[in-house]
Amino acid sequence: MAPQDVLQIMQSALHVIILMVSVVLLPALAVGLTVSMFQAATQINEMTLSFIPKLLVTMMVLAIAGQWLLGTIVNFTVQLFKNIPYAIG
């Protein structure tokens, strides 16, 4: 296996990881920013006020996009297993 092959596999893995993580984290980031602006405007300093909405949005995103996330990681894994003979030989 050449170093270029390893780099290609790592690049593909990082691409899949970034794609999957961003699907979950970006909505939580947007909700956290919105709640933080609300807290700054009203001067409410309650920690659970920012935690609960982010948790709910993350759970909702996982429920909606979970099938796609699972399909993405399964497809990546299947491609890795299919390319094993080419990587060895």
C-alpha atoms as a PDB file:
ATOM      1  CA  MET A   1       0.000   0.000   0.000  1.00  0.00           C
ATOM      2  CA  ALA A   2       1.499   3.278  -1.086  1.00  0.00           C
ATOM      3  CA  PRO A   3       1.525   6.361   1.126  1.00  0.00           C
ATOM      4  CA  GLN A   4      -0.749   8.089  -1.366  1.00  0.00           C
ATOM      5  CA  ASP A   5      -3.376   5.400  -0.805  1.00  0.00           C
ATOM      6  CA  VAL A   6      -3.259   5.923   2.944  1.00  0.00           C
ATOM      7  CA  LEU A   7      -3.543   9.675   2.492  1.00  0.00           C
ATOM      8  CA  GLN A   8      -6.516   9.213   0.162  1.00  0.00           C
ATOM      9  CA  ILE A   9      -8.278   6.968   2.691  1.00  0.00           C
ATOM     10  CA  MET A  10      -7.590   9.437   5.505  1.00  0.00           C
ATOM     11  CA  GLN A  11      -8.819  12.344   3.398  1.00  0.00           C
ATOM     12  CA  SER A  12     -12.043  10.483   2.622  1.00  0.00           C
ATOM     13  CA  ALA A  13     -12.486   9.552   6.284  1.00  0.00           C
ATOM     14  CA  LEU A  14     -11.989  13.151   7.410  1.00  0.00           C
ATOM     15  CA  HIS A  15     -14.459  14.345   4.787  1.00  0.00           C
ATOM     16  CA  VAL A  16     -17.104  11.909   6.050  1.00  0.00           C
ATOM     17  CA  ILE A  17     -16.396  12.839   9.676  1.00  0.00           C
ATOM     18  CA  ILE A  18     -16.657  16.572   9.031  1.00  0.00           C
ATOM     19  CA  LEU A  19     -19.855  16.099   7.056  1.00  0.00           C
ATOM     20  CA  MET A  20     -21.492  13.975   9.736  1.00  0.00           C
ATOM     21  CA  VAL A  21     -20.416  16.148  12.657  1.00  0.00           C
ATOM     22  CA  SER A  22     -21.481  19.370  10.979  1.00  0.00           C
ATOM     23  CA  VAL A  23     -24.992  18.015  10.415  1.00  0.00           C
ATOM     24  CA  VAL A  24     -25.382  17.575  14.173  1.00  0.00           C
ATOM     25  CA  LEU A  25     -23.359  20.498  15.527  1.00  0.00           C
ATOM     26  CA  LEU A  26     -24.402  23.389  13.287  1.00  0.00           C
ATOM     27  CA  PRO A  27     -28.079  23.390  14.364  1.00  0.00           C
ATOM     28  CA  ALA A  28     -27.015  23.134  18.027  1.00  0.00           C
ATOM     29  CA  LEU A  29     -24.608  26.021  17.480  1.00  0.00           C
ATOM     30  CA  ALA A  30     -27.346  28.156  15.922  1.00  0.00           C
ATOM     31  CA  VAL A  31     -29.759  27.424  18.776  1.00  0.00           C
ATOM     32  CA  GLY A  32     -27.064  28.096  21.374  1.00  0.00           C
ATOM     33  CA  LEU A  33     -26.255  31.436  19.775  1.00  0.00           C
ATOM     34  CA  THR A  34     -29.931  32.395  19.661  1.00  0.00           C
ATOM     35  CA  VAL A  35     -30.484  31.437  23.295  1.00  0.00           C
ATOM     36  CA  SER A  36     -27.316  33.284  24.335  1.00  0.00           C
ATOM     37  CA  MET A  37     -28.510  36.445  22.609  1.00  0.00           C
ATOM     38  CA  PHE A  38     -31.863  36.083  24.374  1.00  0.00           C
ATOM     39  CA  GLN A  39     -30.078  35.627  27.711  1.00  0.00           C
ATOM     40  CA  ALA A  40     -27.902  38.684  27.084  1.00  0.00           C
ATOM     41  CA  ALA A  41     -30.917  40.787  26.165  1.00  0.00           C
ATOM     42  CA  THR A  42     -32.961  39.738  29.195  1.00  0.00           C
ATOM     43  CA  GLN A  43     -30.009  39.296  31.609  1.00  0.00           C
ATOM     44  CA  ILE A  44     -31.154  35.802  32.578  1.00  0.00           C
ATOM     45  CA  ASN A  45     -28.150  33.732  33.660  1.00  0.00           C
ATOM     46  CA  GLU A  46     -29.594  30.241  33.869  1.00  0.00           C
ATOM     47  CA  MET A  47     -27.379  27.423  32.591  1.00  0.00           C
ATOM     48  CA  THR A  48     -30.234  25.039  31.852  1.00  0.00           C
ATOM     49  CA  LEU A  49     -31.861  27.633  29.617  1.00  0.00           C
ATOM     50  CA  SER A  50     -29.068  27.160  27.077  1.00  0.00           C
ATOM     51  CA  PHE A  51     -28.521  23.433  27.636  1.00  0.00           C
ATOM     52  CA  ILE A  52     -32.077  22.117  27.218  1.00  0.00           C
ATOM     53  CA  PRO A  53     -32.808  23.709  23.794  1.00  0.00           C
ATOM     54  CA  LYS A  54     -29.462  22.536  22.403  1.00  0.00           C
ATOM     55  CA  LEU A  55     -30.135  19.034  23.693  1.00  0.00           C
ATOM     56  CA  LEU A  56     -33.625  18.993  22.168  1.00  0.00           C
ATOM     57  CA  VAL A  57     -32.398  20.276  18.798  1.00  0.00           C
ATOM     58  CA  THR A  58     -29.570  17.740  18.746  1.00  0.00           C
ATOM     59  CA  MET A  59     -31.993  14.897  19.516  1.00  0.00           C
ATOM     60  CA  MET A  60     -34.390  16.150  16.831  1.00  0.00           C
ATOM     61  CA  VAL A  61     -31.611  16.395  14.229  1.00  0.00           C
ATOM     62  CA  LEU A  62     -30.430  12.890  15.091  1.00  0.00           C
ATOM     63  CA  ALA A  63     -33.992  11.597  14.740  1.00  0.00           C
ATOM     64  CA  ILE A  64     -34.458  13.301  11.377  1.00  0.00           C
ATOM     65  CA  ALA A  65     -30.996  12.771   9.867  1.00  0.00           C
ATOM     66  CA  GLY A  66     -30.073   9.552  11.668  1.00  0.00           C
ATOM     67  CA  GLN A  67     -30.922   7.322   8.750  1.00  0.00           C
ATOM     68  CA  TRP A  68     -28.825   9.429   6.395  1.00  0.00           C
ATOM     69  CA  LEU A  69     -25.922   9.522   8.880  1.00  0.00           C
ATOM     70  CA  LEU A  70     -26.010   5.757   9.283  1.00  0.00           C
ATOM     71  CA  GLY A  71     -26.203   5.252   5.520  1.00  0.00           C
ATOM     72  CA  THR A  72     -23.221   7.529   4.989  1.00  0.00           C
ATOM     73  CA  ILE A  73     -20.991   5.692   7.441  1.00  0.00           C
ATOM     74  CA  VAL A  74     -22.131   2.283   6.175  1.00  0.00           C
ATOM     75  CA  ASN A  75     -21.414   3.268   2.557  1.00  0.00           C
ATOM     76  CA  PHE A  76     -17.966   4.526   3.544  1.00  0.00           C
ATOM     77  CA  THR A  77     -17.207   1.303   5.419  1.00  0.00           C
ATOM     78  CA  VAL A  78     -18.444  -0.864   2.543  1.00  0.00           C
ATOM     79  CA  GLN A  79     -16.232   1.067   0.122  1.00  0.00           C
ATOM     80  CA  LEU A  80     -13.247   0.536   2.416  1.00  0.00           C
ATOM     81  CA  PHE A  81     -13.891  -3.207   2.556  1.00  0.00           C
ATOM     82  CA  LYS A  82     -14.364  -3.410  -1.218  1.00  0.00           C
ATOM     83  CA  ASN A  83     -11.042  -1.665  -1.793  1.00  0.00           C
ATOM     84  CA  ILE A  84      -9.035  -4.002   0.453  1.00  0.00           C
ATOM     85  CA  PRO A  85      -7.907  -6.302  -2.434  1.00  0.00           C
ATOM     86  CA  TYR A  86      -6.721  -3.300  -4.448  1.00  0.00           C
ATOM     87  CA  ALA A  87      -4.871  -1.835  -1.472  1.00  0.00           C
ATOM     88  CA  ILE A  88      -3.037  -5.089  -0.743  1.00  0.00           C
ATOM     89  CA  GLY A  89      -2.080  -6.001  -4.272  1.00  0.00           C
END
